[in-house]
N, C-alpha and C. Protein backbone atom coordinates (compact mmCIF):
# COMPACT_ATOMS: atom_id res chain seq x y z
N UNK A 1 24.23 0.15 19.95
CA UNK A 1 22.62 0.82 19.83
C UNK A 1 22.67 1.67 20.43
N UNK A 2 21.50 2.71 20.04
CA UNK A 2 21.11 3.83 20.05
C UNK A 2 19.93 4.04 20.84
N UNK A 3 19.71 4.68 21.86
CA UNK A 3 18.28 4.72 22.17
C UNK A 3 17.73 5.85 23.01
N UNK A 4 16.70 6.49 22.78
CA UNK A 4 16.61 7.44 23.51
C UNK A 4 14.89 8.19 23.76
N UNK A 5 14.06 8.79 24.84
CA UNK A 5 13.01 9.03 24.63
C UNK A 5 12.95 10.94 24.40
N UNK A 6 11.84 11.10 23.23
CA UNK A 6 11.54 12.09 23.38
C UNK A 6 10.02 12.66 23.46
N UNK A 7 10.09 14.04 23.80
CA UNK A 7 8.75 14.33 24.21
C UNK A 7 7.41 14.47 22.68
N UNK A 8 6.42 13.82 22.83
CA UNK A 8 5.66 13.99 22.14
C UNK A 8 5.21 14.73 21.43
N UNK A 9 6.10 15.94 20.78
CA UNK A 9 6.13 17.10 19.95
C UNK A 9 6.76 17.18 18.77
N UNK A 10 6.14 18.04 17.76
CA UNK A 10 7.00 18.15 16.61
C UNK A 10 8.56 18.61 16.78
N UNK A 11 8.71 19.14 17.83
CA UNK A 11 10.19 19.70 18.56
C UNK A 11 10.88 18.34 18.83
N UNK A 12 10.14 17.00 19.67
CA UNK A 12 10.79 15.84 19.80
C UNK A 12 11.01 14.71 18.26
N UNK A 13 10.07 15.50 17.58
CA UNK A 13 10.12 14.60 16.44
C UNK A 13 11.55 15.06 15.56
N UNK A 14 11.53 16.58 15.30
CA UNK A 14 12.84 16.76 14.81
C UNK A 14 13.84 16.62 15.45
N UNK A 15 14.12 16.27 16.98
CA UNK A 15 15.24 16.11 17.90
C UNK A 15 15.79 15.03 17.21
N UNK A 16 14.44 13.47 17.55
CA UNK A 16 15.08 12.89 17.03
C UNK A 16 15.90 12.47 15.75
N UNK A 17 15.41 12.76 14.66
CA UNK A 17 15.76 12.95 13.65
C UNK A 17 17.71 13.35 13.23
N UNK A 18 17.78 14.56 14.15
CA UNK A 18 18.67 15.16 14.45
C UNK A 18 19.76 14.31 15.06
N UNK A 19 19.72 13.57 16.27
CA UNK A 19 20.32 13.17 17.10
C UNK A 19 20.49 11.45 16.15
N UNK A 20 19.93 10.78 15.76
CA UNK A 20 19.37 9.82 15.08
C UNK A 20 20.52 10.46 13.84
N UNK A 21 20.73 10.68 12.55
CA UNK A 21 21.91 11.47 11.93
C UNK A 21 22.64 11.00 12.39
N UNK A 22 23.50 12.18 13.64
CA UNK A 22 24.40 12.30 14.27
C UNK A 22 25.08 10.61 14.50
N UNK A 23 24.36 10.16 15.30
CA UNK A 23 24.28 8.40 15.50
C UNK A 23 25.06 7.74 14.32
N UNK A 24 24.57 7.76 13.12
CA UNK A 24 25.21 7.23 12.24
C UNK A 24 26.08 7.92 11.48
N UNK A 25 26.07 9.57 11.08
CA UNK A 25 27.53 9.51 11.58
C UNK A 25 28.99 8.88 11.94
N UNK A 26 28.53 9.21 13.94
CA UNK A 26 29.68 8.58 14.64
C UNK A 26 29.67 6.59 14.01
N UNK A 27 28.62 6.09 13.57
CA UNK A 27 28.60 4.63 13.04
C UNK A 27 29.31 4.33 11.99
N UNK A 28 29.91 5.69 11.03
CA UNK A 28 30.68 5.74 9.81
C UNK A 28 30.00 5.50 8.38
N UNK A 29 28.31 6.13 8.63
CA UNK A 29 27.61 6.16 7.13
C UNK A 29 27.66 8.05 6.94
N UNK A 30 28.46 7.92 5.92
CA UNK A 30 28.75 9.28 6.09
C UNK A 30 27.64 10.16 5.43
N UNK A 31 27.63 11.27 6.26
CA UNK A 31 26.84 12.39 6.50
C UNK A 31 26.25 12.80 4.95
N UNK A 32 24.71 12.98 4.27
CA UNK A 32 24.91 12.66 2.84
C UNK A 32 24.86 11.76 1.95
N UNK A 33 24.62 10.16 2.07
CA UNK A 33 24.80 9.80 1.31
C UNK A 33 23.74 9.25 1.24
N UNK A 34 23.34 8.64 0.03
CA UNK A 34 21.77 7.67 0.05
C UNK A 34 21.64 7.29 0.91
N UNK A 35 22.04 5.97 1.82
CA UNK A 35 21.77 5.38 3.07
C UNK A 35 21.84 6.41 4.10
N UNK A 36 21.90 7.10 4.07
CA UNK A 36 22.24 8.27 5.56
C UNK A 36 21.08 8.60 5.34
N UNK A 37 20.65 9.48 4.08
CA UNK A 37 19.36 10.69 3.46
C UNK A 37 18.51 9.17 4.08
N UNK A 38 17.73 8.36 3.66
CA UNK A 38 16.67 7.71 3.34
C UNK A 38 16.82 6.77 5.01
N UNK A 39 17.87 6.63 5.90
CA UNK A 39 18.02 6.68 6.98
C UNK A 39 17.04 7.71 8.37
N UNK A 40 17.80 8.46 7.28
CA UNK A 40 17.07 9.95 8.10
C UNK A 40 15.65 10.14 8.10
N UNK A 41 15.53 10.18 6.95
CA UNK A 41 13.62 10.15 6.37
C UNK A 41 12.89 9.42 7.09
N UNK A 42 13.18 7.92 7.19
CA UNK A 42 12.53 6.77 7.54
C UNK A 42 12.40 7.44 8.96
N UNK A 43 13.55 7.82 9.98
CA UNK A 43 13.37 8.91 11.19
C UNK A 43 12.43 9.48 11.20
N UNK A 44 13.04 10.57 10.40
CA UNK A 44 11.68 12.00 10.78
C UNK A 44 10.34 11.34 10.63
N UNK A 45 9.97 10.49 9.77
CA UNK A 45 8.45 9.94 9.47
C UNK A 45 7.93 9.34 10.32
N UNK A 46 8.91 8.34 10.87
CA UNK A 46 8.10 7.52 12.28
C UNK A 46 8.03 8.53 13.38
N UNK A 47 9.36 9.25 13.52
CA UNK A 47 9.19 10.02 15.11
C UNK A 47 7.69 10.91 14.68
N UNK A 48 7.81 11.52 13.61
CA UNK A 48 6.50 12.92 13.26
C UNK A 48 5.09 11.70 13.33
N UNK A 49 4.94 10.95 13.11
CA UNK A 49 4.03 9.84 13.24
C UNK A 49 3.71 9.27 14.84
N UNK A 50 4.65 8.91 15.06
CA UNK A 50 4.69 9.15 16.91
C UNK A 50 3.55 9.79 17.90
N UNK A 51 4.56 11.24 17.01
CA UNK A 51 4.31 12.79 18.23
C UNK A 51 3.22 12.79 17.63
N UNK A 52 2.33 12.91 16.24
CA UNK A 52 1.20 13.19 16.03
C UNK A 52 -0.16 11.96 16.58
N UNK A 53 0.06 10.90 15.65
CA UNK A 53 -0.98 9.88 15.70
C UNK A 53 -0.33 9.42 16.83
N UNK A 54 0.49 8.64 17.14
CA UNK A 54 0.65 8.12 18.67
C UNK A 54 0.72 8.99 20.00
N UNK A 55 0.24 10.21 19.69
CA UNK A 55 0.58 10.67 21.21
C UNK A 55 -0.45 11.08 22.19
N UNK A 56 0.17 10.46 23.74
CA UNK A 56 -0.85 10.43 24.99
C UNK A 56 -0.25 11.62 25.34
N UNK A 57 -0.89 12.51 26.20
CA UNK A 57 -0.45 13.98 27.12
C UNK A 57 0.48 13.15 27.74
N UNK A 58 1.24 13.61 28.36
CA UNK A 58 2.22 13.64 29.58
C UNK A 58 2.98 12.15 28.84
N UNK A 59 3.28 11.51 28.03
CA UNK A 59 3.79 10.53 27.88
C UNK A 59 4.80 10.63 26.13
N UNK A 60 5.99 10.09 26.25
CA UNK A 60 7.12 10.01 25.36
C UNK A 60 7.10 9.17 24.28
N UNK A 61 7.63 9.10 23.38
CA UNK A 61 7.64 8.14 22.78
C UNK A 61 9.43 7.65 22.04
N UNK A 62 9.61 6.87 22.05
CA UNK A 62 10.93 6.01 22.03
C UNK A 62 11.64 5.91 20.47
N UNK A 63 13.05 6.17 20.57
CA UNK A 63 13.95 5.60 18.73
C UNK A 63 14.83 5.07 19.85
N UNK A 64 14.66 3.80 18.55
CA UNK A 64 15.83 3.14 18.80
C UNK A 64 16.89 2.83 17.47
N UNK A 65 18.06 2.72 17.54
CA UNK A 65 18.88 2.32 16.24
C UNK A 65 19.74 1.51 16.60
N UNK A 66 19.79 0.66 16.02
CA UNK A 66 20.49 -0.35 16.05
C UNK A 66 21.17 -0.90 14.95
N UNK A 67 22.19 -1.21 14.40
CA UNK A 67 23.26 -1.56 13.65
C UNK A 67 23.94 -3.35 13.93
N UNK A 68 23.00 -3.50 12.94
CA UNK A 68 23.25 -5.30 12.70
C UNK A 68 24.03 -5.47 11.92
N UNK A 69 25.50 -6.56 11.89
CA UNK A 69 26.42 -6.88 11.44
C UNK A 69 26.29 -7.83 10.94
N UNK A 70 25.98 -9.00 10.39
CA UNK A 70 25.73 -10.19 10.17
C UNK A 70 27.06 -10.46 9.58
N UNK A 71 27.73 -11.55 9.46
CA UNK A 71 28.65 -12.15 8.83
C UNK A 71 29.30 -12.11 7.57
N UNK A 72 28.09 -12.99 6.65
CA UNK A 72 27.85 -13.45 5.42
C UNK A 72 26.71 -12.24 4.54
N UNK A 73 26.34 -10.92 4.94
CA UNK A 73 25.50 -10.50 4.70
C UNK A 73 25.79 -8.71 4.87
N UNK A 74 25.21 -8.20 4.05
CA UNK A 74 25.76 -5.99 4.49
C UNK A 74 24.92 -6.04 5.77
N UNK A 75 25.32 -5.00 6.29
CA UNK A 75 24.90 -4.60 7.41
C UNK A 75 23.64 -4.14 7.16
N UNK A 76 22.78 -4.55 8.68
CA UNK A 76 21.28 -3.61 8.47
C UNK A 76 21.14 -2.68 9.49
N UNK A 77 20.46 -1.69 9.18
CA UNK A 77 20.20 -0.64 10.02
C UNK A 77 18.76 -1.03 10.68
N UNK A 78 18.65 -0.89 11.65
CA UNK A 78 17.49 -1.23 12.84
C UNK A 78 16.91 -0.11 13.30
N UNK A 79 15.13 0.60 12.64
CA UNK A 79 14.83 1.17 13.80
C UNK A 79 13.72 1.57 14.30
N UNK A 80 13.76 1.82 15.04
CA UNK A 80 12.28 1.39 15.94
C UNK A 80 11.99 2.64 16.59
N UNK A 81 10.76 2.65 16.86
CA UNK A 81 9.91 4.27 17.40
C UNK A 81 8.97 3.73 18.23
N UNK A 82 8.59 3.85 19.24
CA UNK A 82 7.53 2.87 19.60
C UNK A 82 6.66 4.69 20.96
N UNK A 83 5.80 4.32 20.97
CA UNK A 83 4.84 5.22 21.43
C UNK A 83 3.52 4.48 22.24
N UNK A 84 2.83 5.23 23.08
CA UNK A 84 1.76 4.53 23.69
C UNK A 84 0.59 4.62 22.96
N UNK A 85 0.21 5.00 22.46
CA UNK A 85 -1.30 4.46 21.77
C UNK A 85 -1.65 3.17 20.93
N UNK A 86 -1.24 2.13 21.91
CA UNK A 86 -1.48 0.64 21.25
C UNK A 86 -2.94 0.68 20.41
N UNK A 87 -4.01 1.34 20.73
CA UNK A 87 -5.44 1.29 19.89
C UNK A 87 -4.89 1.80 18.31
N UNK A 88 -4.24 2.76 17.96
CA UNK A 88 -3.92 3.05 17.11
C UNK A 88 -3.10 2.45 16.23
N UNK A 89 -2.76 1.43 15.98
CA UNK A 89 -2.16 0.62 15.34
C UNK A 89 -2.36 1.07 12.88
N UNK A 90 -1.36 1.22 12.42
CA UNK A 90 -1.34 1.64 11.41
C UNK A 90 -1.44 0.10 10.79
N UNK A 91 -1.92 0.31 9.61
CA UNK A 91 -2.19 -1.10 8.42
C UNK A 91 -0.92 -2.04 8.66
N UNK A 92 -0.89 -2.90 7.73
CA UNK A 92 0.38 -3.97 7.72
C UNK A 92 0.80 -3.24 6.58
N UNK A 93 2.11 -3.64 5.77
CA UNK A 93 2.47 -2.76 4.54
C UNK A 93 1.98 -3.42 3.36
N UNK A 94 1.44 -4.75 3.40
CA UNK A 94 0.99 -4.67 2.30
C UNK A 94 -0.57 -3.99 2.18
N UNK A 95 -0.90 -3.92 3.34
CA UNK A 95 -2.45 -3.07 3.51
C UNK A 95 -2.83 -1.55 2.73
N UNK A 96 -1.77 -1.03 2.81
CA UNK A 96 -1.54 0.90 2.32
C UNK A 96 -1.68 0.85 1.28
N UNK A 97 -3.03 1.28 0.96
CA UNK A 97 -3.44 1.93 0.12
C UNK A 97 -2.66 3.53 -0.86
N UNK A 98 -2.95 3.60 -1.85
CA UNK A 98 -2.45 5.39 -2.51
C UNK A 98 -3.31 5.86 -1.50
N UNK A 99 -2.54 7.07 -1.33
CA UNK A 99 -3.19 8.28 -0.17
C UNK A 99 -4.50 9.12 -2.19
N UNK A 100 -5.48 9.59 -1.08
CA UNK A 100 -6.15 10.17 -2.21
C UNK A 100 -5.21 11.52 -2.86
N UNK A 101 -5.17 11.11 -4.11
CA UNK A 101 -4.08 12.09 -4.94
C UNK A 101 -3.96 14.05 -3.72
N UNK A 102 -4.73 14.66 -3.35
CA UNK A 102 -5.12 16.21 -2.69
C UNK A 102 -4.93 15.91 -1.35
N UNK A 103 -4.60 14.88 -0.47
CA UNK A 103 -4.89 14.62 0.44
C UNK A 103 -3.69 15.03 0.89
N UNK A 104 -3.80 16.16 2.48
CA UNK A 104 -2.76 16.59 2.67
C UNK A 104 -1.85 15.94 3.70
N UNK A 105 -2.63 14.50 3.88
CA UNK A 105 -1.44 13.26 4.92
C UNK A 105 -1.68 12.02 4.36
N UNK A 106 -1.25 11.38 5.16
CA UNK A 106 -1.42 9.77 5.11
C UNK A 106 -0.10 9.21 3.61
N UNK A 107 0.88 9.86 3.13
CA UNK A 107 1.77 9.16 2.93
C UNK A 107 2.61 8.93 3.32
N UNK A 108 3.58 9.24 5.04
CA UNK A 108 4.23 8.81 5.79
C UNK A 108 4.51 7.02 5.69
N UNK A 109 3.81 6.21 5.70
CA UNK A 109 3.85 4.76 5.86
C UNK A 109 4.23 4.74 4.00
N UNK A 110 3.44 5.05 3.40
CA UNK A 110 4.28 5.06 2.34
C UNK A 110 5.31 5.07 1.82
N UNK A 111 6.10 6.09 2.04
CA UNK A 111 7.24 6.35 2.76
C UNK A 111 8.25 4.93 2.72
N UNK A 112 8.03 5.12 4.18
CA UNK A 112 8.72 4.14 4.71
C UNK A 112 8.52 2.29 3.61
N UNK A 113 7.02 2.48 3.26
CA UNK A 113 7.52 1.41 2.58
C UNK A 113 8.45 1.02 1.68
N UNK A 114 8.10 2.30 0.39
CA UNK A 114 8.50 2.23 -0.70
C UNK A 114 10.77 2.31 -0.14
N UNK A 115 10.71 2.91 1.06
CA UNK A 115 12.09 2.84 1.30
C UNK A 115 12.93 1.98 2.43
N UNK A 116 11.95 1.42 3.31
CA UNK A 116 12.93 0.36 4.06
C UNK A 116 12.79 -0.69 3.28
N UNK A 117 14.09 -1.98 3.68
CA UNK A 117 13.99 -3.16 3.39
C UNK A 117 12.68 -3.74 3.45
N UNK A 118 12.16 -3.30 4.43
CA UNK A 118 10.81 -4.27 5.43
C UNK A 118 10.46 -3.12 6.90
N UNK A 119 9.17 -3.89 7.04
CA UNK A 119 9.12 -3.03 8.27
C UNK A 119 7.81 -3.86 8.68
N UNK A 120 7.84 -3.90 9.98
CA UNK A 120 6.03 -4.48 10.81
C UNK A 120 5.82 -3.46 12.00
N UNK A 121 4.72 -3.67 12.79
CA UNK A 121 4.38 -3.22 13.53
C UNK A 121 4.30 -4.26 14.72
N UNK A 122 5.05 -4.28 15.90
CA UNK A 122 4.74 -4.97 17.21
C UNK A 122 3.97 -4.18 18.28
N UNK A 123 3.61 -4.92 19.11
CA UNK A 123 3.25 -4.85 20.14
C UNK A 123 4.35 -4.30 21.45
N UNK A 124 3.90 -3.41 22.11
CA UNK A 124 4.74 -2.92 22.88
C UNK A 124 4.89 -3.32 24.49
N UNK A 125 5.52 -3.59 24.97
CA UNK A 125 4.94 -4.23 26.49
C UNK A 125 5.49 -2.97 27.53
N UNK A 126 4.88 -2.64 28.70
CA UNK A 126 3.57 -2.84 28.94
C UNK A 126 2.28 -2.24 28.16
N UNK A 127 2.54 -1.30 27.18
CA UNK A 127 1.20 -0.94 26.64
C UNK A 127 1.97 0.08 25.33
N UNK A 128 1.25 0.29 24.02
CA UNK A 128 1.75 0.83 23.05
C UNK A 128 1.78 -0.45 21.73
N UNK A 129 2.66 0.82 20.89
CA UNK A 129 3.22 0.02 19.89
C UNK A 129 4.60 0.70 19.27
N UNK A 130 5.31 -0.50 18.70
CA UNK A 130 6.58 -0.79 17.92
C UNK A 130 6.31 -0.13 16.66
N UNK A 131 6.92 0.71 15.95
CA UNK A 131 6.90 0.42 14.48
C UNK A 131 8.54 0.32 14.35
N UNK A 132 8.86 -0.95 13.18
CA UNK A 132 10.81 -1.35 13.22
C UNK A 132 10.31 -1.73 11.83
N UNK A 133 11.57 -0.62 11.15
CA UNK A 133 11.89 -0.63 9.99
C UNK A 133 13.53 -1.33 9.58
N UNK A 134 13.50 -1.96 8.76
CA UNK A 134 14.95 -1.97 8.61
C UNK A 134 15.41 -1.57 7.55
N UNK A 135 17.12 -1.25 7.07
CA UNK A 135 17.30 -0.83 5.73
C UNK A 135 18.77 -1.76 5.53
N UNK A 136 18.36 -2.00 4.52
CA UNK A 136 19.82 -2.66 4.31
C UNK A 136 20.54 -1.90 3.83
N UNK A 137 22.12 -1.74 4.56
CA UNK A 137 23.24 -1.01 3.77
C UNK A 137 24.08 -1.12 2.82
N UNK A 138 24.62 -0.57 2.20
CA UNK A 138 25.27 -0.64 0.73
C UNK A 138 26.59 -1.34 1.26
N UNK A 139 27.18 -2.03 0.67
CA UNK A 139 28.81 -2.67 1.17
C UNK A 139 29.74 -1.62 1.95
N UNK A 140 29.99 -0.36 1.02
CA UNK A 140 30.33 -0.04 1.30
C UNK A 140 30.48 1.49 2.65
N UNK A 141 29.58 1.12 3.07
CA UNK A 141 28.42 2.12 4.02
C UNK A 141 28.11 1.24 5.11
N UNK A 142 29.07 0.33 5.68
CA UNK A 142 28.42 -0.02 6.60
C UNK A 142 28.91 -0.34 7.90
N UNK A 143 29.12 0.47 8.40
CA UNK A 143 29.46 0.76 10.09
C UNK A 143 31.16 0.66 10.40
N UNK A 144 31.68 0.78 9.51
CA UNK A 144 33.41 1.16 9.71
C UNK A 144 33.56 0.73 11.14
N UNK A 145 33.66 -0.59 11.53
CA UNK A 145 33.87 -1.15 12.11
C UNK A 145 33.44 -1.05 13.79
N UNK A 146 32.19 0.14 13.55
CA UNK A 146 31.88 0.47 15.00
C UNK A 146 30.35 -0.12 15.66
N UNK A 147 30.35 -1.44 15.07
CA UNK A 147 28.81 -1.90 15.05
C UNK A 147 28.53 -3.14 16.38
N UNK A 148 29.96 -3.24 16.96
CA UNK A 148 29.90 -4.38 18.05
C UNK A 148 29.04 -5.50 17.77
N UNK A 149 29.38 -5.89 16.37
CA UNK A 149 28.89 -7.19 16.13
C UNK A 149 27.46 -8.02 16.66
N UNK A 150 26.90 -7.29 17.01
CA UNK A 150 25.52 -7.74 16.51
C UNK A 150 25.04 -8.07 15.83
N UNK A 151 23.90 -9.65 16.03
CA UNK A 151 23.77 -11.03 15.18
C UNK A 151 22.32 -10.43 14.69
N UNK A 152 22.27 -10.82 13.26
CA UNK A 152 20.48 -10.02 12.68
C UNK A 152 20.08 -10.84 13.52
N UNK A 153 18.68 -10.19 14.07
CA UNK A 153 17.27 -10.96 13.97
C UNK A 153 16.31 -10.68 13.46
N UNK A 154 15.40 -11.71 12.46
CA UNK A 154 14.30 -11.39 11.96
C UNK A 154 13.53 -10.77 12.76
N UNK A 155 12.72 -10.00 12.06
CA UNK A 155 11.69 -9.05 12.25
C UNK A 155 10.26 -9.81 13.28
């Protein structure tokens, strides 16, 4: 498991993406693979949202990566990004509409919906929210023995 707090700034979001990428390589997910690219994009989008829309001055956001390796299924990468803005909850995945064609924003969670196997929003204790996305990894790219045998739990 990897957990790190970052400043709620564009620099913090960039650092979250870079450190997540490094951890994935350490877990045996090859740099440049489709799964690695997809995971980095999901982390980047959720971290950028936390730094932009979930920002509370003086408060950080947190990124957690967990590699779940059930015995009878493909490994799953769980990506969680938490911030302290509970009142700014994104709509459920099913409630996302297509953004206006010329809009300069509003596509981030559409990307997460398209790329992640599943995602959800959960309340965070004592305050805030956590966006959790899960990505099933291809059989040939599943943790190279560095998982720690964590059992998969539902969203």
